[in-house]
N, C-alpha and C. Protein backbone atom coordinates (compact mmCIF):
# COMPACT_ATOMS: atom_id res chain seq x y z
N UNK A 1 77.43 136.20 50.56
CA UNK A 1 78.72 135.78 51.41
C UNK A 1 79.54 136.97 52.04
N UNK A 2 79.38 138.31 51.49
CA UNK A 2 80.71 139.37 52.16
C UNK A 2 80.02 139.08 53.98
N UNK A 3 78.37 138.77 53.42
CA UNK A 3 77.90 139.04 54.92
C UNK A 3 78.13 138.01 56.33
N UNK A 4 78.35 136.81 55.33
CA UNK A 4 78.81 135.80 56.22
C UNK A 4 80.57 136.11 56.81
N UNK A 5 80.83 136.61 55.61
CA UNK A 5 82.54 137.00 55.84
C UNK A 5 82.58 137.84 57.47
N UNK A 6 81.78 139.01 57.63
CA UNK A 6 81.77 139.82 58.00
C UNK A 6 80.67 139.60 59.36
N UNK A 7 80.17 139.02 59.21
CA UNK A 7 79.60 138.14 60.89
C UNK A 7 80.70 137.44 61.57
N UNK A 8 81.00 136.54 60.73
CA UNK A 8 82.74 136.26 61.80
C UNK A 8 83.28 136.47 61.85
N UNK A 9 83.77 137.80 60.88
CA UNK A 9 84.69 138.71 61.89
C UNK A 9 84.71 139.43 63.08
N UNK A 10 83.07 139.94 62.80
CA UNK A 10 82.82 140.18 64.09
C UNK A 10 83.01 139.32 65.10
N UNK A 11 81.98 138.48 65.06
CA UNK A 11 82.07 137.31 65.94
C UNK A 11 83.25 137.02 66.67
N UNK A 12 84.36 136.30 65.96
CA UNK A 12 85.41 136.18 66.36
C UNK A 12 86.67 137.01 66.69
N UNK A 13 86.26 138.46 66.50
CA UNK A 13 86.78 139.55 67.60
C UNK A 13 86.12 139.99 68.95
N UNK A 14 84.71 139.83 68.73
CA UNK A 14 84.33 139.99 69.69
C UNK A 14 84.60 138.60 70.97
N UNK A 15 84.67 137.35 70.67
CA UNK A 15 85.04 136.79 71.07
C UNK A 15 86.59 136.69 71.55
N UNK A 16 87.24 137.33 70.76
CA UNK A 16 88.53 137.15 70.87
C UNK A 16 88.15 138.09 72.11
N UNK A 17 88.16 139.31 72.08
CA UNK A 17 88.48 140.48 73.09
C UNK A 17 87.80 140.07 74.09
N UNK A 18 86.53 139.19 74.27
CA UNK A 18 86.64 137.96 75.88
C UNK A 18 87.82 137.21 76.12
N UNK A 19 88.56 136.73 75.37
CA UNK A 19 89.43 135.65 75.63
C UNK A 19 90.90 136.74 76.43
N UNK A 20 90.88 137.60 75.86
CA UNK A 20 91.77 138.28 75.81
C UNK A 20 91.77 138.70 77.66
N UNK A 21 90.83 139.51 77.49
CA UNK A 21 90.74 139.73 78.89
C UNK A 21 90.19 138.52 79.96
N UNK A 22 89.29 138.04 79.98
CA UNK A 22 89.44 136.63 80.69
C UNK A 22 88.87 135.67 79.75
N UNK A 23 88.99 134.01 80.33
CA UNK A 23 89.39 133.20 79.16
C UNK A 23 87.67 133.13 79.21
N UNK A 24 87.06 132.78 80.63
CA UNK A 24 85.10 132.25 80.45
C UNK A 24 84.26 133.49 79.44
N UNK A 25 84.46 134.80 79.82
CA UNK A 25 83.93 135.82 79.01
C UNK A 25 83.74 135.62 77.31
N UNK A 26 84.92 135.23 76.90
CA UNK A 26 85.91 134.90 75.20
C UNK A 26 84.22 134.03 74.80
N UNK A 27 85.10 132.52 75.95
CA UNK A 27 84.53 131.54 75.70
C UNK A 27 82.05 131.37 75.96
N UNK A 28 82.51 132.20 76.77
CA UNK A 28 80.88 132.30 76.80
C UNK A 28 80.18 133.43 75.49
N UNK A 29 81.15 134.17 75.32
CA UNK A 29 80.41 134.81 73.38
C UNK A 29 80.71 134.26 72.56
N UNK A 30 81.05 132.92 72.32
CA UNK A 30 81.72 132.62 71.55
C UNK A 30 80.44 131.07 71.68
N UNK A 31 80.42 131.02 72.63
CA UNK A 31 79.19 129.44 72.63
C UNK A 31 77.96 130.33 72.55
N UNK A 32 77.42 131.96 72.99
CA UNK A 32 76.76 132.57 72.86
C UNK A 32 76.28 133.28 71.35
N UNK A 33 77.19 133.24 70.52
CA UNK A 33 76.59 133.38 69.24
C UNK A 33 77.60 132.00 68.06
N UNK A 34 77.30 131.01 68.50
CA UNK A 34 77.75 129.74 67.73
C UNK A 34 77.36 129.71 66.60
N UNK A 35 75.42 129.63 66.79
CA UNK A 35 74.81 129.29 65.97
C UNK A 35 74.64 130.25 64.91
N UNK A 36 75.08 131.86 64.86
CA UNK A 36 74.94 133.07 64.00
C UNK A 36 75.46 132.80 62.61
N UNK A 37 76.65 131.92 62.23
CA UNK A 37 76.68 132.20 61.22
C UNK A 37 75.41 130.75 59.37
N UNK A 38 75.22 129.97 61.23
CA UNK A 38 74.06 128.98 60.28
C UNK A 38 72.82 129.81 60.33
N UNK A 39 73.04 130.97 61.73
CA UNK A 39 71.43 131.19 60.96
C UNK A 39 71.48 132.50 59.98
N UNK A 40 72.77 133.08 59.84
CA UNK A 40 72.57 134.25 58.20
C UNK A 40 72.12 133.29 57.53
N UNK A 41 73.29 132.64 57.05
CA UNK A 41 73.12 131.40 55.90
C UNK A 41 71.47 131.06 55.78
N UNK A 42 71.04 129.85 56.58
CA UNK A 42 69.61 130.07 56.72
C UNK A 42 68.60 130.99 57.02
N UNK A 43 68.77 132.09 57.81
CA UNK A 43 67.50 133.19 57.40
C UNK A 43 67.80 134.25 57.19
N UNK A 44 68.49 134.53 57.15
CA UNK A 44 68.70 136.34 56.64
C UNK A 44 69.22 136.84 57.36
N UNK A 45 69.75 138.37 57.29
CA UNK A 45 69.25 138.86 58.70
C UNK A 45 71.39 139.46 58.28
N UNK A 46 71.59 140.47 59.10
CA UNK A 46 72.39 140.77 59.31
C UNK A 46 72.94 140.70 60.67
N UNK A 47 74.39 141.26 61.05
CA UNK A 47 74.78 140.83 62.36
C UNK A 47 73.92 140.63 64.03
N UNK A 48 73.69 142.20 64.02
CA UNK A 48 72.38 142.42 65.18
C UNK A 48 71.42 140.71 65.48
N UNK A 49 70.28 140.92 64.07
CA UNK A 49 69.65 139.97 63.75
C UNK A 49 70.20 138.37 64.30
N UNK A 50 71.26 138.30 63.57
CA UNK A 50 71.86 136.83 63.48
C UNK A 50 72.30 136.59 65.03
N UNK A 51 73.06 137.47 65.50
CA UNK A 51 73.86 137.06 66.91
C UNK A 51 72.40 136.83 68.26
N UNK A 52 71.21 137.64 67.44
CA UNK A 52 69.86 137.66 68.94
C UNK A 52 69.76 136.80 68.67
N UNK A 53 69.14 135.91 67.29
CA UNK A 53 69.00 135.09 66.54
C UNK A 53 69.79 133.71 67.56
N UNK A 54 71.16 133.72 67.53
CA UNK A 54 71.85 133.27 67.71
C UNK A 54 71.56 132.76 69.19
N UNK A 55 71.77 134.19 70.11
CA UNK A 55 71.71 134.28 71.86
C UNK A 55 70.12 133.34 72.27
N UNK A 56 68.87 133.76 71.55
CA UNK A 56 68.11 132.71 71.42
C UNK A 56 67.96 131.31 71.44
N UNK A 57 69.03 130.89 70.56
CA UNK A 57 68.76 129.30 70.29
C UNK A 57 69.31 128.53 70.97
N UNK A 58 70.60 128.99 71.28
CA UNK A 58 71.91 128.80 72.42
C UNK A 58 71.26 128.69 73.91
N UNK A 59 70.43 129.29 73.69
CA UNK A 59 70.02 129.70 75.56
C UNK A 59 69.39 128.40 75.63
N UNK A 60 69.94 127.77 77.20
CA UNK A 60 69.63 126.82 77.66
C UNK A 60 70.59 125.14 77.38
N UNK A 61 70.83 126.01 76.12
CA UNK A 61 72.12 124.52 75.53
C UNK A 61 73.70 124.31 75.50
N UNK A 62 73.27 125.60 75.99
CA UNK A 62 74.93 126.78 76.00
C UNK A 62 76.27 124.96 76.15
N UNK A 63 76.25 124.26 77.52
CA UNK A 63 77.05 123.76 77.62
C UNK A 63 76.52 121.86 76.89
N UNK A 64 75.56 121.34 76.29
CA UNK A 64 75.88 120.65 75.44
C UNK A 64 76.51 121.41 74.10
N UNK A 65 76.76 122.36 73.65
CA UNK A 65 77.49 122.77 72.84
C UNK A 65 78.64 122.99 72.87
N UNK A 66 79.05 123.20 74.11
CA UNK A 66 80.56 123.53 74.51
C UNK A 66 80.81 122.40 74.62
N UNK A 67 80.23 120.64 74.87
CA UNK A 67 81.25 119.73 74.81
C UNK A 67 81.28 119.12 73.52
N UNK A 68 80.27 119.47 72.91
CA UNK A 68 80.69 119.18 71.35
C UNK A 68 81.53 119.76 70.16
N UNK A 69 81.70 120.81 70.85
CA UNK A 69 83.22 121.73 70.02
C UNK A 69 84.07 121.33 70.60
N UNK A 70 84.37 120.61 71.61
CA UNK A 70 85.03 120.51 72.93
C UNK A 70 86.11 119.21 72.14
N UNK A 71 84.57 118.46 71.98
CA UNK A 71 85.33 116.94 71.01
C UNK A 71 85.89 116.95 69.65
N UNK A 72 85.27 117.86 69.44
CA UNK A 72 85.27 118.57 67.80
C UNK A 72 87.19 118.63 67.80
N UNK A 73 87.11 119.93 69.04
CA UNK A 73 88.69 120.02 68.82
C UNK A 73 89.60 119.36 68.99
N UNK A 74 89.46 117.68 70.32
CA UNK A 74 89.95 116.98 70.58
C UNK A 74 90.42 115.99 69.20
N UNK A 75 89.89 115.91 68.69
CA UNK A 75 89.73 115.02 67.79
C UNK A 75 90.74 115.37 66.27
N UNK A 76 90.63 117.03 66.74
CA UNK A 76 91.18 117.68 65.56
C UNK A 76 93.32 117.35 65.89
N UNK A 77 92.99 117.91 67.57
CA UNK A 77 93.98 117.45 67.80
C UNK A 77 95.36 115.92 67.53
N UNK A 78 94.29 115.28 67.81
CA UNK A 78 94.50 114.30 67.22
C UNK A 78 94.76 113.52 66.44
N UNK A 79 94.23 114.25 64.95
CA UNK A 79 94.29 113.51 63.58
C UNK A 79 95.58 114.37 63.10
N UNK A 80 95.70 115.89 63.74
CA UNK A 80 97.09 116.52 63.98
C UNK A 80 98.21 115.71 64.92
N UNK A 81 98.06 115.60 65.46
CA UNK A 81 99.47 114.67 65.83
C UNK A 81 99.78 113.06 65.59
N UNK A 82 98.14 112.52 64.83
CA UNK A 82 98.65 111.44 63.83
C UNK A 82 99.52 111.52 62.98
N UNK A 83 99.57 112.85 62.10
CA UNK A 83 100.16 113.02 61.26
C UNK A 83 101.49 114.00 61.65
N UNK A 84 102.12 114.42 62.72
CA UNK A 84 103.02 114.90 63.06
C UNK A 84 104.01 114.32 63.36
N UNK A 85 103.71 113.09 63.88
CA UNK A 85 104.26 112.26 65.36
C UNK A 85 105.17 111.52 64.04
N UNK A 86 105.10 110.70 62.67
CA UNK A 86 106.16 110.27 61.39
C UNK A 86 106.92 111.50 61.35
N UNK A 87 106.34 112.67 61.41
CA UNK A 87 107.62 113.59 60.76
C UNK A 87 108.85 113.71 61.87
N UNK A 88 108.41 113.68 63.26
CA UNK A 88 108.94 114.03 64.31
C UNK A 88 110.28 113.16 64.01
N UNK A 89 109.45 111.65 63.96
CA UNK A 89 110.20 111.00 63.70
C UNK A 89 111.39 110.84 63.12
N UNK A 90 111.16 111.18 61.63
CA UNK A 90 112.23 111.08 60.66
C UNK A 90 113.08 112.34 61.23
N UNK A 91 112.48 113.58 61.54
CA UNK A 91 113.33 114.96 61.75
C UNK A 91 114.42 114.09 62.53
N UNK A 92 114.48 112.97 64.03
CA UNK A 92 114.81 112.76 64.50
C UNK A 92 115.71 111.24 64.14
N UNK A 93 115.89 111.22 63.31
CA UNK A 93 116.42 109.65 62.49
C UNK A 93 117.64 111.02 61.79
N UNK A 94 117.17 111.93 61.22
CA UNK A 94 117.96 112.73 60.58
C UNK A 94 118.93 113.39 61.30
N UNK A 95 118.22 113.89 62.49
CA UNK A 95 119.37 114.72 63.25
C UNK A 95 120.45 113.67 63.47
N UNK A 96 120.36 112.90 63.70
CA UNK A 96 121.65 111.69 64.63
C UNK A 96 122.39 111.48 63.38
N UNK A 97 121.87 111.08 62.55
CA UNK A 97 122.76 111.12 61.03
C UNK A 97 123.43 112.23 60.82
N UNK A 98 123.25 113.59 61.44
CA UNK A 98 123.77 114.81 61.00
C UNK A 98 123.53 115.19 59.64
N UNK A 99 122.43 115.19 59.10
CA UNK A 99 121.84 115.59 58.34
C UNK A 99 120.55 117.11 58.96
N UNK A 100 120.75 117.41 59.74
CA UNK A 100 119.20 118.12 60.02
C UNK A 100 119.74 119.01 59.51
N UNK A 101 120.51 119.91 59.09
CA UNK A 101 120.69 121.16 58.43
C UNK A 101 120.20 121.39 56.93
N UNK A 102 120.38 119.75 56.11
CA UNK A 102 119.56 119.71 54.68
C UNK A 102 118.53 119.53 54.61
N UNK A 103 118.26 118.74 56.06
CA UNK A 103 116.52 117.71 56.29
C UNK A 103 115.36 118.98 56.42
N UNK A 104 115.93 120.35 57.36
CA UNK A 104 114.83 121.02 57.79
C UNK A 104 113.53 121.80 57.12
N UNK A 105 114.47 122.35 55.85
CA UNK A 105 113.29 122.78 55.11
C UNK A 105 112.48 121.63 54.59
N UNK A 106 112.35 120.26 54.29
CA UNK A 106 112.17 119.76 53.89
C UNK A 106 110.71 119.12 55.28
N UNK A 107 111.62 118.86 56.06
CA UNK A 107 110.76 117.87 57.02
C UNK A 107 109.48 119.51 57.12
N UNK A 108 110.14 120.47 56.84
CA UNK A 108 109.02 121.97 57.56
C UNK A 108 108.05 121.76 56.80
N UNK A 109 108.55 121.59 55.03
CA UNK A 109 107.34 121.27 54.03
C UNK A 109 106.47 120.25 54.51
N UNK A 110 106.87 118.95 54.57
CA UNK A 110 106.10 118.06 55.31
C UNK A 110 105.37 117.88 56.38
N UNK A 111 106.08 118.70 57.20
CA UNK A 111 105.22 119.11 58.54
C UNK A 111 104.03 120.06 57.89
N UNK A 112 104.36 121.34 56.89
CA UNK A 112 103.06 121.92 56.78
C UNK A 112 101.91 121.07 55.85
N UNK A 113 102.16 120.05 54.85
CA UNK A 113 101.48 118.98 54.32
C UNK A 113 100.86 118.70 55.07
N UNK A 114 101.37 117.64 56.51
CA UNK A 114 100.71 117.36 57.30
C UNK A 114 99.39 118.33 58.71
N UNK A 115 99.56 118.99 58.47
CA UNK A 115 98.42 120.05 59.01
C UNK A 115 97.81 120.35 57.97
N UNK A 116 98.50 121.05 57.37
CA UNK A 116 97.12 120.72 55.51
C UNK A 116 96.09 120.12 55.47
N UNK A 117 96.63 118.56 55.28
CA UNK A 117 95.93 117.44 55.07
C UNK A 117 95.10 117.03 56.81
N UNK A 118 95.12 117.34 57.80
CA UNK A 118 94.32 116.79 58.94
C UNK A 118 93.79 118.41 59.67
N UNK A 119 94.07 119.81 58.49
CA UNK A 119 93.05 120.28 59.09
C UNK A 119 91.87 119.97 57.84
N UNK A 120 92.00 119.71 56.50
CA UNK A 120 91.40 119.46 55.47
C UNK A 120 90.56 118.67 55.37
N UNK A 121 91.49 117.06 56.69
CA UNK A 121 90.07 116.27 57.53
C UNK A 121 89.07 116.25 58.12
N UNK A 122 89.14 116.60 58.98
CA UNK A 122 89.01 117.35 60.15
C UNK A 122 88.18 118.98 60.72
N UNK A 123 88.47 119.37 59.63
CA UNK A 123 88.26 121.11 59.81
C UNK A 123 87.13 121.13 59.81
N UNK A 124 86.28 120.90 58.28
CA UNK A 124 84.52 120.53 58.44
C UNK A 124 83.34 120.56 59.64
N UNK A 125 84.40 119.83 59.95
CA UNK A 125 83.21 118.82 61.32
C UNK A 125 82.98 120.22 61.95
N UNK A 126 83.29 121.13 62.78
CA UNK A 126 83.36 121.81 63.69
C UNK A 126 81.67 123.13 62.84
N UNK A 127 82.03 122.54 61.22
CA UNK A 127 80.90 123.66 60.64
C UNK A 127 79.63 122.92 60.43
N UNK A 128 79.50 121.45 60.26
CA UNK A 128 78.82 120.30 60.07
C UNK A 128 77.78 120.87 61.53
N UNK A 129 78.73 120.36 62.56
CA UNK A 129 78.38 119.94 63.98
C UNK A 129 77.41 121.09 64.47
N UNK A 130 77.66 122.21 64.34
CA UNK A 130 77.04 123.26 64.29
C UNK A 130 76.05 123.88 63.31
N UNK A 131 75.91 123.45 62.45
CA UNK A 131 74.42 123.46 61.63
C UNK A 131 73.82 122.24 61.72
N UNK A 132 74.09 121.07 62.29
CA UNK A 132 72.94 120.33 62.97
C UNK A 132 73.05 120.92 64.12
N UNK A 133 73.73 121.28 65.06
CA UNK A 133 72.81 121.71 66.36
C UNK A 133 71.73 122.80 66.15
N UNK A 134 72.31 123.87 65.40
CA UNK A 134 71.02 124.65 64.42
C UNK A 134 69.89 124.26 64.26
N UNK A 135 69.84 122.93 63.56
CA UNK A 135 68.26 122.52 63.40
C UNK A 135 68.33 121.79 64.71
N UNK A 136 68.89 121.00 65.47
CA UNK A 136 68.23 120.64 66.34
C UNK A 136 67.97 121.09 67.15
N UNK A 137 68.19 122.58 67.89
CA UNK A 137 67.58 124.17 68.44
C UNK A 137 66.23 124.33 67.88
N UNK A 138 65.91 124.27 65.93
CA UNK A 138 65.34 125.01 65.94
C UNK A 138 63.92 124.08 66.67
N UNK A 139 64.07 122.29 65.90
CA UNK A 139 63.05 122.03 66.47
C UNK A 139 62.93 121.32 67.60
N UNK A 140 63.81 121.46 68.59
CA UNK A 140 63.58 121.70 70.37
C UNK A 140 63.23 122.87 71.09
N UNK A 141 62.83 123.89 70.13
CA UNK A 141 62.39 125.85 70.71
C UNK A 141 61.24 125.73 70.19
N UNK A 142 60.98 125.17 68.45
CA UNK A 142 60.26 126.18 67.64
C UNK A 142 59.26 125.31 67.35
N UNK A 143 59.41 123.73 67.37
CA UNK A 143 59.16 122.51 66.08
C UNK A 143 58.87 122.91 64.96
N UNK A 144 60.05 122.86 64.62
CA UNK A 144 60.55 122.87 63.03
C UNK A 144 59.82 122.50 62.10
N UNK A 145 60.55 121.06 62.89
CA UNK A 145 59.79 119.78 62.06
C UNK A 145 58.35 119.46 61.76
N UNK A 146 57.44 120.61 63.21
CA UNK A 146 55.96 119.75 62.69
C UNK A 146 55.56 121.46 61.86
N UNK A 147 56.24 122.70 62.31
CA UNK A 147 56.28 123.13 60.60
C UNK A 147 56.26 122.51 59.36
N UNK A 148 56.74 122.23 59.25
CA UNK A 148 57.33 121.44 57.59
C UNK A 148 56.66 120.56 57.22
N UNK A 149 56.37 119.00 57.95
CA UNK A 149 55.30 118.58 57.83
C UNK A 149 53.60 119.06 57.92
N UNK A 150 53.68 119.67 58.71
CA UNK A 150 52.00 120.63 58.23
C UNK A 150 52.21 121.13 57.15
N UNK A 151 52.86 122.17 56.72
CA UNK A 151 53.28 122.64 55.80
C UNK A 151 53.63 121.58 53.81
N UNK A 152 53.81 120.29 54.34
CA UNK A 152 53.82 119.61 53.05
C UNK A 152 52.76 118.79 53.10
N UNK A 153 51.21 118.80 54.06
CA UNK A 153 50.22 118.32 53.71
C UNK A 153 48.76 118.82 53.68
N UNK A 154 49.37 120.91 52.98
CA UNK A 154 48.17 121.57 52.80
C UNK A 154 48.47 121.42 51.18
N UNK A 155 47.50 122.63 50.47
CA UNK A 155 47.70 121.77 49.05
C UNK A 155 48.44 123.29 48.61
N UNK A 156 48.96 123.11 48.03
CA UNK A 156 49.74 123.61 47.60
C UNK A 156 51.24 123.77 48.31
N UNK A 157 51.56 122.62 49.04
CA UNK A 157 53.02 122.30 49.93
C UNK A 157 54.27 123.28 49.20
N UNK A 158 54.57 123.36 47.97
CA UNK A 158 55.72 123.40 48.26
C UNK A 158 55.99 125.41 48.38
N UNK A 159 55.03 125.82 47.77
CA UNK A 159 55.54 127.52 48.41
C UNK A 159 55.03 127.42 49.94
N UNK A 160 54.26 126.76 50.80
CA UNK A 160 53.83 126.50 52.02
C UNK A 160 55.06 126.37 52.66
N UNK A 161 56.02 124.94 52.25
CA UNK A 161 57.00 124.32 52.64
C UNK A 161 58.52 125.47 52.99
N UNK A 162 58.40 126.24 52.02
CA UNK A 162 59.55 127.13 51.35
C UNK A 162 59.06 128.36 52.53
N UNK A 163 57.76 128.23 52.66
CA UNK A 163 57.69 129.84 53.51
C UNK A 163 57.67 129.24 54.72
N UNK A 164 57.31 127.94 55.75
CA UNK A 164 57.81 127.66 56.72
C UNK A 164 59.24 127.59 57.42
N UNK A 165 59.99 127.25 56.07
CA UNK A 165 61.31 126.92 56.31
C UNK A 165 61.89 128.32 56.59
N UNK A 166 61.71 129.65 56.19
CA UNK A 166 62.07 130.61 56.33
C UNK A 166 61.15 131.10 57.62
N UNK A 167 60.65 131.19 58.06
CA UNK A 167 59.72 131.46 59.39
C UNK A 167 60.33 131.23 60.71
N UNK A 168 60.73 132.40 61.79
CA UNK A 168 61.32 132.01 62.75
C UNK A 168 60.50 131.40 63.69
């Protein structure tokens, strides 16, 4: 778990530095290393191994990964807006009645709750999408599904299937 947290931190900092200098290099670095966490969790390895593996797996598919991530970010924004609009209407009604000073802490709490609920509902979708992209890229580039099928056909298929799942 510590390795995953450290790799997440390193990738986030590196992409953040790229975003500070120019937006395009930050997005490019993030797309290049977007599969480093699934690679770390499913294959093991440290920062260098995971980022190199992610760079290999995303090569030629970064545009598709960008579109998928953009659609997920739009979905997160839409769900957040759906939860925030009723709160904005309630705040506007309370301001009209002159109770804004007393209602502000309640509205702030409700807004935080709405943000928490919307993030909890839609937040895991990016992690799920990146994991599915990881498996898709392994199938496309390495024939991962064929390795598993061949391993299942051989005698003593349980150890062979486990070995095929961990090979690069």
